[in-house]
Amino acid sequence: MAEVDPAGPLCVTFRMTIDDYRNGVRRLAWALWPIRLIVVVTIAAAIAGLTGALLPNRILAIVGVVVFVIYALLLASILYIRPGQAFRRRADLKGDQTYCFSESGVSMTFVSGDSRVKWSYFVGLLETKDLYLLRHPIRQIGSIIPKRAFADPAAETEFRRFAQRIGKGAQPTA
């Protein structure tokens, strides 16, 4: 649950679920052009396979279906299977996580240790229906924070206010 103290940091503690992790990984991956390219190739292969089946073109149908199956399996592996395996292997993902947000930065506490970074470290904030994702400089990495961790809409508003500092140096706030 979130604690809101006007004089101090906004802290949220939560336990991530496998669905939180998979959804976060999918959202981060979608921002990467190689994943988008794989999706386009998969769709094009499906269209080619269907076209080959509708027209009497066996080679187009076979090649389209084979490429579609290969790329669909690749997408399933990247976006569903591997994130699930990573979640089950890593205790720091399954354990309690605490994020504290303040004007100066973000402190994170996991089973494996603590970390503190300035807002300027992050390169962006992505949002889904159920998650916030603080994007790290390595584009495929991000900190996943479920919206359910915030006590109320006021805590989320405060988080968004802090997150406006992403990518900015130490600038005074108004």
C-alpha atoms as a PDB file:
ATOM      1  CA  MET A   1       0.000   0.000   0.000  1.00  0.00           C
ATOM      2  CA  ALA A   2       1.085   3.578  -0.562  1.00  0.00           C
ATOM      3  CA  GLU A   3       1.957   6.087   2.096  1.00  0.00           C
ATOM      4  CA  VAL A   4       1.515   9.770   1.274  1.00  0.00           C
ATOM      5  CA  ASP A   5       3.382  12.251   3.429  1.00  0.00           C
ATOM      6  CA  PRO A   6       3.612  15.778   2.014  1.00  0.00           C
ATOM      7  CA  ALA A   7       6.983  16.280   3.719  1.00  0.00           C
ATOM      8  CA  GLY A   8       8.490  12.935   2.741  1.00  0.00           C
ATOM      9  CA  PRO A   9       8.685  10.400  -0.028  1.00  0.00           C
ATOM     10  CA  LEU A  10       5.781   8.455  -1.482  1.00  0.00           C
ATOM     11  CA  CYS A  11       6.452   4.778  -0.753  1.00  0.00           C
ATOM     12  CA  VAL A  12       4.681   1.778  -2.258  1.00  0.00           C
ATOM     13  CA  THR A  13       5.223  -1.839  -1.278  1.00  0.00           C
ATOM     14  CA  PHE A  14       3.910  -4.686  -3.367  1.00  0.00           C
ATOM     15  CA  ARG A  15       4.473  -8.249  -4.433  1.00  0.00           C
ATOM     16  CA  MET A  16       4.577  -8.605  -8.206  1.00  0.00           C
ATOM     17  CA  THR A  17       2.543 -11.339  -9.884  1.00  0.00           C
ATOM     18  CA  ILE A  18       3.599 -13.336 -12.922  1.00  0.00           C
ATOM     19  CA  ASP A  19       0.912 -11.492 -14.925  1.00  0.00           C
ATOM     20  CA  ASP A  20       2.302  -8.103 -13.821  1.00  0.00           C
ATOM     21  CA  TYR A  21       5.751  -9.181 -14.963  1.00  0.00           C
ATOM     22  CA  ARG A  22       4.610 -10.634 -18.300  1.00  0.00           C
ATOM     23  CA  ASN A  23       2.492  -7.553 -19.074  1.00  0.00           C
ATOM     24  CA  GLY A  24       5.377  -5.250 -18.180  1.00  0.00           C
ATOM     25  CA  VAL A  25       7.830  -7.186 -20.346  1.00  0.00           C
ATOM     26  CA  ARG A  26       5.350  -7.157 -23.249  1.00  0.00           C
ATOM     27  CA  ARG A  27       4.859  -3.389 -22.965  1.00  0.00           C
ATOM     28  CA  LEU A  28       8.597  -2.743 -22.797  1.00  0.00           C
ATOM     29  CA  ALA A  29       9.214  -5.091 -25.737  1.00  0.00           C
ATOM     30  CA  TRP A  30       6.575  -3.404 -27.889  1.00  0.00           C
ATOM     31  CA  ALA A  31       8.608  -0.170 -27.689  1.00  0.00           C
ATOM     32  CA  LEU A  32      11.526  -1.935 -29.440  1.00  0.00           C
ATOM     33  CA  TRP A  33      11.648  -1.939 -33.253  1.00  0.00           C
ATOM     34  CA  PRO A  34      12.914  -5.566 -33.579  1.00  0.00           C
ATOM     35  CA  ILE A  35       9.767  -6.826 -31.835  1.00  0.00           C
ATOM     36  CA  ARG A  36       7.580  -4.698 -34.075  1.00  0.00           C
ATOM     37  CA  LEU A  37       9.421  -6.090 -37.102  1.00  0.00           C
ATOM     38  CA  ILE A  38       8.829  -9.664 -35.920  1.00  0.00           C
ATOM     39  CA  VAL A  39       5.106  -8.883 -35.545  1.00  0.00           C
ATOM     40  CA  VAL A  40       4.968  -7.410 -39.070  1.00  0.00           C
ATOM     41  CA  VAL A  41       6.774 -10.439 -40.553  1.00  0.00           C
ATOM     42  CA  THR A  42       4.413 -12.782 -38.667  1.00  0.00           C
ATOM     43  CA  ILE A  43       1.344 -10.986 -40.023  1.00  0.00           C
ATOM     44  CA  ALA A  44       2.793 -10.853 -43.553  1.00  0.00           C
ATOM     45  CA  ALA A  45       3.575 -14.580 -43.425  1.00  0.00           C
ATOM     46  CA  ALA A  46       0.025 -15.366 -42.276  1.00  0.00           C
ATOM     47  CA  ILE A  47      -1.380 -13.294 -45.138  1.00  0.00           C
ATOM     48  CA  ALA A  48       0.969 -15.010 -47.605  1.00  0.00           C
ATOM     49  CA  GLY A  49      -0.067 -18.428 -46.308  1.00  0.00           C
ATOM     50  CA  LEU A  50      -3.760 -17.601 -46.626  1.00  0.00           C
ATOM     51  CA  THR A  51      -3.261 -16.094 -50.070  1.00  0.00           C
ATOM     52  CA  GLY A  52      -1.372 -19.187 -51.190  1.00  0.00           C
ATOM     53  CA  ALA A  53      -4.158 -21.397 -49.859  1.00  0.00           C
ATOM     54  CA  LEU A  54      -6.911 -19.387 -51.585  1.00  0.00           C
ATOM     55  CA  LEU A  55      -5.025 -19.213 -54.848  1.00  0.00           C
ATOM     56  CA  PRO A  56      -3.786 -22.529 -56.128  1.00  0.00           C
ATOM     57  CA  ASN A  57      -0.187 -21.692 -55.121  1.00  0.00           C
ATOM     58  CA  ARG A  58       1.126 -24.468 -52.914  1.00  0.00           C
ATOM     59  CA  ILE A  59       4.647 -23.061 -52.493  1.00  0.00           C
ATOM     60  CA  LEU A  60       3.384 -19.675 -51.281  1.00  0.00           C
ATOM     61  CA  ALA A  61       0.985 -21.399 -48.889  1.00  0.00           C
ATOM     62  CA  ILE A  62       3.666 -23.699 -47.460  1.00  0.00           C
ATOM     63  CA  VAL A  63       6.335 -21.000 -47.130  1.00  0.00           C
ATOM     64  CA  GLY A  64       3.818 -18.562 -45.614  1.00  0.00           C
ATOM     65  CA  VAL A  65       2.586 -21.071 -43.046  1.00  0.00           C
ATOM     66  CA  VAL A  66       6.111 -22.239 -42.119  1.00  0.00           C
ATOM     67  CA  VAL A  67       7.380 -18.667 -41.657  1.00  0.00           C
ATOM     68  CA  PHE A  68       4.226 -17.765 -39.717  1.00  0.00           C
ATOM     69  CA  VAL A  69       4.643 -20.714 -37.337  1.00  0.00           C
ATOM     70  CA  ILE A  70       8.352 -19.987 -36.765  1.00  0.00           C
ATOM     71  CA  TYR A  71       7.793 -16.290 -36.053  1.00  0.00           C
ATOM     72  CA  ALA A  72       4.684 -16.938 -33.942  1.00  0.00           C
ATOM     73  CA  LEU A  73       6.702 -19.362 -31.802  1.00  0.00           C
ATOM     74  CA  LEU A  74       9.491 -16.777 -31.547  1.00  0.00           C
ATOM     75  CA  LEU A  75       7.009 -14.142 -30.347  1.00  0.00           C
ATOM     76  CA  ALA A  76       5.470 -16.568 -27.853  1.00  0.00           C
ATOM     77  CA  SER A  77       8.927 -17.328 -26.508  1.00  0.00           C
ATOM     78  CA  ILE A  78       9.974 -13.677 -26.199  1.00  0.00           C
ATOM     79  CA  LEU A  79       6.720 -12.282 -24.832  1.00  0.00           C
ATOM     80  CA  TYR A  80       5.233 -15.120 -22.800  1.00  0.00           C
ATOM     81  CA  ILE A  81       7.420 -18.161 -22.117  1.00  0.00           C
ATOM     82  CA  ARG A  82      10.771 -16.535 -21.246  1.00  0.00           C
ATOM     83  CA  PRO A  83       9.272 -13.864 -18.954  1.00  0.00           C
ATOM     84  CA  GLY A  84       7.403 -16.602 -17.069  1.00  0.00           C
ATOM     85  CA  GLN A  85      10.599 -18.620 -16.667  1.00  0.00           C
ATOM     86  CA  ALA A  86      12.519 -15.550 -15.482  1.00  0.00           C
ATOM     87  CA  PHE A  87       9.810 -14.711 -12.959  1.00  0.00           C
ATOM     88  CA  ARG A  88       9.833 -18.224 -11.496  1.00  0.00           C
ATOM     89  CA  ARG A  89      13.658 -18.281 -11.242  1.00  0.00           C
ATOM     90  CA  ARG A  90      14.227 -14.874  -9.646  1.00  0.00           C
ATOM     91  CA  ALA A  91      13.347 -14.480  -5.972  1.00  0.00           C
ATOM     92  CA  ASP A  92      13.739 -10.684  -6.180  1.00  0.00           C
ATOM     93  CA  LEU A  93      10.817 -10.537  -8.632  1.00  0.00           C
ATOM     94  CA  LYS A  94       8.506 -12.680  -6.487  1.00  0.00           C
ATOM     95  CA  GLY A  95       9.371 -11.102  -3.129  1.00  0.00           C
ATOM     96  CA  ASP A  96       8.219  -7.853  -1.573  1.00  0.00           C
ATOM     97  CA  GLN A  97       9.387  -4.748  -3.399  1.00  0.00           C
ATOM     98  CA  THR A  98       9.332  -1.220  -2.041  1.00  0.00           C
ATOM     99  CA  TYR A  99       9.751   1.884  -4.167  1.00  0.00           C
ATOM    100  CA  CYS A 100      10.023   5.304  -2.537  1.00  0.00           C
ATOM    101  CA  PHE A 101       9.585   8.315  -4.810  1.00  0.00           C
ATOM    102  CA  SER A 102      10.754  11.813  -3.906  1.00  0.00           C
ATOM    103  CA  GLU A 103      11.845  14.999  -5.632  1.00  0.00           C
ATOM    104  CA  SER A 104      15.446  13.790  -5.669  1.00  0.00           C
ATOM    105  CA  GLY A 105      14.886  10.304  -7.042  1.00  0.00           C
ATOM    106  CA  VAL A 106      13.724   6.759  -6.500  1.00  0.00           C
ATOM    107  CA  SER A 107      14.889   4.295  -3.879  1.00  0.00           C
ATOM    108  CA  MET A 108      14.138   0.627  -4.445  1.00  0.00           C
ATOM    109  CA  THR A 109      14.286  -2.220  -1.954  1.00  0.00           C
ATOM    110  CA  PHE A 110      14.180  -5.845  -3.079  1.00  0.00           C
ATOM    111  CA  VAL A 111      14.937  -9.202  -1.485  1.00  0.00           C
ATOM    112  CA  SER A 112      18.371  -9.016  -3.144  1.00  0.00           C
ATOM    113  CA  GLY A 113      19.272  -5.495  -1.957  1.00  0.00           C
ATOM    114  CA  ASP A 114      18.673  -1.773  -2.207  1.00  0.00           C
ATOM    115  CA  SER A 115      19.257   0.804  -4.906  1.00  0.00           C
ATOM    116  CA  ARG A 116      18.804   4.531  -5.270  1.00  0.00           C
ATOM    117  CA  VAL A 117      18.779   6.504  -8.518  1.00  0.00           C
ATOM    118  CA  LYS A 118      17.986  10.047  -9.577  1.00  0.00           C
ATOM    119  CA  TRP A 119      15.022  10.717 -11.840  1.00  0.00           C
ATOM    120  CA  SER A 120      17.461  11.705 -14.592  1.00  0.00           C
ATOM    121  CA  TYR A 121      18.580   8.050 -14.773  1.00  0.00           C
ATOM    122  CA  PHE A 122      15.243   6.987 -16.278  1.00  0.00           C
ATOM    123  CA  VAL A 123      14.503   7.643 -19.946  1.00  0.00           C
ATOM    124  CA  GLY A 124      10.733   7.431 -19.910  1.00  0.00           C
ATOM    125  CA  LEU A 125       7.520   6.393 -18.241  1.00  0.00           C
ATOM    126  CA  LEU A 126       5.194   3.917 -19.923  1.00  0.00           C
ATOM    127  CA  GLU A 127       1.713   3.251 -18.642  1.00  0.00           C
ATOM    128  CA  THR A 128      -0.729   0.418 -19.206  1.00  0.00           C
ATOM    129  CA  LYS A 129      -4.161  -0.151 -17.734  1.00  0.00           C
ATOM    130  CA  ASP A 130      -2.618  -1.868 -14.691  1.00  0.00           C
ATOM    131  CA  LEU A 131       1.068  -0.871 -14.603  1.00  0.00           C
ATOM    132  CA  TYR A 132       3.604   1.920 -14.612  1.00  0.00           C
ATOM    133  CA  LEU A 133       6.967   1.155 -16.204  1.00  0.00           C
ATOM    134  CA  LEU A 134       9.984   3.320 -15.478  1.00  0.00           C
ATOM    135  CA  ARG A 135      12.227   2.802 -18.520  1.00  0.00           C
ATOM    136  CA  HIS A 136      15.932   2.390 -17.892  1.00  0.00           C
ATOM    137  CA  PRO A 137      18.653   3.582 -20.321  1.00  0.00           C
ATOM    138  CA  ILE A 138      18.943   0.022 -21.645  1.00  0.00           C
ATOM    139  CA  ARG A 139      15.663   0.141 -23.547  1.00  0.00           C
ATOM    140  CA  GLN A 140      14.506  -3.408 -22.863  1.00  0.00           C
ATOM    141  CA  ILE A 141      14.818  -2.952 -19.087  1.00  0.00           C
ATOM    142  CA  GLY A 142      12.335  -1.211 -16.846  1.00  0.00           C
ATOM    143  CA  SER A 143      11.016  -1.043 -13.313  1.00  0.00           C
ATOM    144  CA  ILE A 144       7.485  -2.457 -13.182  1.00  0.00           C
ATOM    145  CA  ILE A 145       5.131  -0.905 -10.628  1.00  0.00           C
ATOM    146  CA  PRO A 146       1.546  -2.204 -10.437  1.00  0.00           C
ATOM    147  CA  LYS A 147      -1.082   0.515 -10.089  1.00  0.00           C
ATOM    148  CA  ARG A 148      -2.723  -1.547  -7.337  1.00  0.00           C
ATOM    149  CA  ALA A 149       0.296  -0.687  -5.140  1.00  0.00           C
ATOM    150  CA  PHE A 150      -0.933   2.908  -4.818  1.00  0.00           C
ATOM    151  CA  ALA A 151      -3.405   3.510  -1.998  1.00  0.00           C
ATOM    152  CA  ASP A 152      -5.595   5.917  -3.935  1.00  0.00           C
ATOM    153  CA  PRO A 153      -5.728   8.223  -6.968  1.00  0.00           C
ATOM    154  CA  ALA A 154      -3.996  10.974  -4.967  1.00  0.00           C
ATOM    155  CA  ALA A 155      -0.938   8.740  -4.520  1.00  0.00           C
ATOM    156  CA  GLU A 156      -0.882   8.028  -8.270  1.00  0.00           C
ATOM    157  CA  THR A 157      -1.140  11.756  -8.994  1.00  0.00           C
ATOM    158  CA  GLU A 158       1.812  12.397  -6.686  1.00  0.00           C
ATOM    159  CA  PHE A 159       3.801   9.648  -8.438  1.00  0.00           C
ATOM    160  CA  ARG A 160       3.032  11.194 -11.839  1.00  0.00           C
ATOM    161  CA  ARG A 161       4.161  14.583 -10.521  1.00  0.00           C
ATOM    162  CA  PHE A 162       7.470  13.076  -9.409  1.00  0.00           C
ATOM    163  CA  ALA A 163       7.803  11.181 -12.705  1.00  0.00           C
ATOM    164  CA  GLN A 164       7.706  14.451 -14.654  1.00  0.00           C
ATOM    165  CA  ARG A 165      11.344  14.775 -13.600  1.00  0.00           C
ATOM    166  CA  ILE A 166      12.334  11.736 -15.696  1.00  0.00           C
ATOM    167  CA  GLY A 167      15.282  12.512 -17.923  1.00  0.00           C
ATOM    168  CA  LYS A 168      15.811  15.934 -16.372  1.00  0.00           C
ATOM    169  CA  GLY A 169      18.728  17.047 -14.282  1.00  0.00           C
ATOM    170  CA  ALA A 170      18.355  18.427 -10.787  1.00  0.00           C
ATOM    171  CA  GLN A 171      16.004  21.288 -11.588  1.00  0.00           C
ATOM    172  CA  PRO A 172      13.978  23.148  -8.997  1.00  0.00           C
ATOM    173  CA  THR A 173      10.272  22.347  -8.962  1.00  0.00           C
ATOM    174  CA  ALA A 174       7.597  25.006  -8.969  1.00  0.00           C
END
